[in-house]
């Protein structure tokens, strides 16, 4: 099992004007599968704030995976992918591609998502959409691969067997 951080990106949420249902959905799904959520924060849609906090969480070394939610759309304030790309050392495009493919089964608007995923240090960072329903759909797709990704990143798995 891995340790996770949840970072909700929302101007209204960071001001206490909106309940964070997406962050709660992530927590619920992770805990149901036996993972631990040890960090949680709501940040405004500010690129420097997001990237700085991502770096701090990775450098602290207590989370294996950071899930962000929100800020992946096309509005001017949506800067989560840019903030994430500014801190990751390796991009993991398959995770975001899989989420978009699955989401396209539900809505053609999924192709507008700019979510990304990548690795910084020993931490996997995955951008999720902002709605609770979309968060659940996307986590269902990527969670089966996340544990294995964490093991590879941490150097615990070095060989792959066909199965």
Protein backbone atom coordinates (compact mmCIF):
# COMPACT_ATOMS: atom_id res chain seq x y z
CA UNK A 1 0.00 0.00 0.00
CA UNK A 2 1.15 3.52 -0.68
CA UNK A 3 0.94 6.82 1.19
CA UNK A 4 -0.80 9.65 -0.59
CA UNK A 5 -1.31 13.37 -0.54
CA UNK A 6 -4.40 15.08 -1.91
CA UNK A 7 -4.05 18.59 -3.27
CA UNK A 8 -7.29 20.26 -4.29
CA UNK A 9 -6.86 23.21 -6.62
CA UNK A 10 -9.75 25.63 -6.26
CA UNK A 11 -9.92 29.38 -5.76
CA UNK A 12 -13.32 29.13 -4.05
CA UNK A 13 -12.30 26.09 -2.02
CA UNK A 14 -9.13 27.80 -0.80
CA UNK A 15 -11.25 30.72 0.43
CA UNK A 16 -13.69 28.40 2.21
CA UNK A 17 -16.51 29.23 -0.20
CA UNK A 18 -16.95 25.69 -1.58
CA UNK A 19 -16.91 22.23 0.01
CA UNK A 20 -14.18 19.99 -1.36
CA UNK A 21 -16.20 17.02 -2.60
CA UNK A 22 -13.53 15.90 -5.08
CA UNK A 23 -10.80 15.69 -2.45
CA UNK A 24 -13.22 13.71 -0.27
CA UNK A 25 -13.93 11.33 -3.16
CA UNK A 26 -10.20 10.68 -3.62
CA UNK A 27 -9.72 10.07 0.11
CA UNK A 28 -12.68 7.70 0.24
CA UNK A 29 -11.48 5.59 -2.68
CA UNK A 30 -7.89 5.41 -1.42
CA UNK A 31 -8.86 4.47 2.13
CA UNK A 32 -11.29 1.81 0.85
CA UNK A 33 -8.36 0.16 -0.91
CA UNK A 34 -6.13 0.30 2.16
CA UNK A 35 -3.92 3.24 1.19
CA UNK A 36 -3.12 6.00 3.66
CA UNK A 37 -3.79 9.68 3.06
CA UNK A 38 -1.29 11.63 5.10
CA UNK A 39 -1.41 15.05 3.48
CA UNK A 40 -4.26 17.23 2.32
CA UNK A 41 -4.50 20.84 1.29
CA UNK A 42 -6.70 23.16 -0.73
CA UNK A 43 -4.77 25.67 -2.83
CA UNK A 44 -5.82 28.53 -5.10
CA UNK A 45 -5.38 28.27 -8.87
CA UNK A 46 -1.95 29.88 -8.78
CA UNK A 47 0.84 28.18 -10.73
CA UNK A 48 3.69 29.19 -8.41
CA UNK A 49 1.75 28.22 -5.28
CA UNK A 50 0.90 24.80 -6.74
CA UNK A 51 4.40 24.04 -8.01
CA UNK A 52 6.02 25.21 -4.77
CA UNK A 53 3.73 23.02 -2.68
CA UNK A 54 4.27 20.00 -4.97
CA UNK A 55 8.04 20.40 -4.52
CA UNK A 56 7.70 20.69 -0.72
CA UNK A 57 5.56 17.56 -0.47
CA UNK A 58 7.99 15.57 -2.61
CA UNK A 59 11.05 16.86 -0.75
CA UNK A 60 9.49 16.01 2.62
CA UNK A 61 9.45 12.41 1.41
CA UNK A 62 6.39 11.21 3.29
CA UNK A 63 4.08 10.62 0.31
CA UNK A 64 4.50 8.13 -2.52
CA UNK A 65 1.77 9.66 -4.68
CA UNK A 66 0.25 13.13 -4.92
CA UNK A 67 -3.21 13.35 -6.43
CA UNK A 68 -4.27 16.81 -7.51
CA UNK A 69 -7.87 17.58 -8.34
CA UNK A 70 -9.05 20.59 -10.29
CA UNK A 71 -7.45 23.13 -12.57
CA UNK A 72 -7.07 20.85 -15.60
CA UNK A 73 -9.54 22.55 -17.94
CA UNK A 74 -9.31 25.36 -20.46
CA UNK A 75 -10.15 28.42 -18.38
CA UNK A 76 -7.56 31.10 -17.81
CA UNK A 77 -7.24 30.09 -14.13
CA UNK A 78 -6.66 26.37 -14.91
CA UNK A 79 -2.90 26.00 -14.41
CA UNK A 80 -2.47 22.67 -12.63
CA UNK A 81 -0.91 20.86 -15.63
CA UNK A 82 1.61 23.67 -16.16
CA UNK A 83 2.52 23.68 -12.47
CA UNK A 84 2.91 19.90 -12.51
CA UNK A 85 5.01 19.86 -15.68
CA UNK A 86 7.30 22.49 -14.16
CA UNK A 87 8.23 20.14 -11.30
CA UNK A 88 8.20 16.61 -12.73
CA UNK A 89 11.39 15.00 -14.02
CA UNK A 90 9.65 12.29 -16.03
CA UNK A 91 6.25 12.51 -17.69
CA UNK A 92 4.02 9.41 -17.52
CA UNK A 93 1.60 10.09 -20.38
CA UNK A 94 -0.13 6.70 -20.26
CA UNK A 95 -1.89 7.51 -16.99
CA UNK A 96 -3.49 10.70 -18.33
CA UNK A 97 -4.25 9.03 -21.66
CA UNK A 98 -6.02 6.14 -19.92
CA UNK A 99 -8.12 8.56 -17.87
CA UNK A 100 -9.15 10.51 -20.96
CA UNK A 101 -10.01 7.34 -22.89
CA UNK A 102 -12.21 6.06 -20.06
CA UNK A 103 -13.84 9.45 -19.56
CA UNK A 104 -14.59 9.73 -23.28
CA UNK A 105 -16.94 6.78 -22.84
CA UNK A 106 -19.07 9.08 -20.66
CA UNK A 107 -18.70 12.48 -22.31
CA UNK A 108 -17.03 13.98 -25.37
CA UNK A 109 -15.91 16.87 -23.15
CA UNK A 110 -13.23 14.57 -21.68
CA UNK A 111 -11.02 15.38 -24.64
CA UNK A 112 -10.72 18.89 -23.23
CA UNK A 113 -8.92 17.67 -20.11
CA UNK A 114 -5.28 18.70 -19.94
CA UNK A 115 -4.42 16.45 -16.97
CA UNK A 116 -0.85 15.15 -16.81
CA UNK A 117 1.08 12.70 -14.67
CA UNK A 118 4.75 12.42 -13.88
CA UNK A 119 7.50 11.59 -11.43
CA UNK A 120 9.62 13.85 -9.28
CA UNK A 121 12.19 12.15 -7.12
CA UNK A 122 10.50 9.11 -5.59
CA UNK A 123 6.97 10.50 -5.94
CA UNK A 124 4.29 10.00 -8.58
CA UNK A 125 2.09 13.04 -9.28
CA UNK A 126 -1.27 12.57 -10.99
CA UNK A 127 -3.66 15.34 -12.03
CA UNK A 128 -7.32 14.42 -11.71
CA UNK A 129 -10.35 16.39 -12.91
CA UNK A 130 -12.29 18.66 -10.60
CA UNK A 131 -15.66 16.92 -10.35
CA UNK A 132 -16.26 14.10 -7.84
CA UNK A 133 -17.83 11.87 -10.50
CA UNK A 134 -14.89 12.34 -12.88
CA UNK A 135 -12.43 11.78 -10.03
CA UNK A 136 -14.01 8.41 -9.26
CA UNK A 137 -14.06 7.36 -12.92
CA UNK A 138 -10.43 8.31 -13.42
CA UNK A 139 -9.20 6.70 -10.21
CA UNK A 140 -10.92 3.45 -11.17
CA UNK A 141 -8.76 3.43 -14.28
CA UNK A 142 -5.37 4.36 -12.82
CA UNK A 143 -5.38 2.88 -9.32
CA UNK A 144 -4.65 -0.68 -10.50
CA UNK A 145 -1.34 0.57 -11.97
CA UNK A 146 -0.37 3.08 -9.29
CA UNK A 147 0.93 0.58 -6.72
CA UNK A 148 3.19 -1.02 -9.32
CA UNK A 149 4.37 2.42 -10.46
CA UNK A 150 5.24 3.33 -6.86
CA UNK A 151 7.24 0.10 -6.46
CA UNK A 152 9.19 0.83 -9.65
CA UNK A 153 9.86 4.44 -8.66
CA UNK A 154 11.12 3.37 -5.25
CA UNK A 155 13.34 0.69 -6.80
CA UNK A 156 11.44 -2.17 -5.16
CA UNK A 157 10.58 -3.81 -8.51
CA UNK A 158 13.23 -4.01 -11.17
CA UNK A 159 12.10 -6.89 -13.34
CA UNK A 160 8.80 -7.35 -15.11
CA UNK A 161 7.21 -10.71 -15.67
CA UNK A 162 4.51 -11.48 -18.13
CA UNK A 163 1.31 -12.38 -16.46
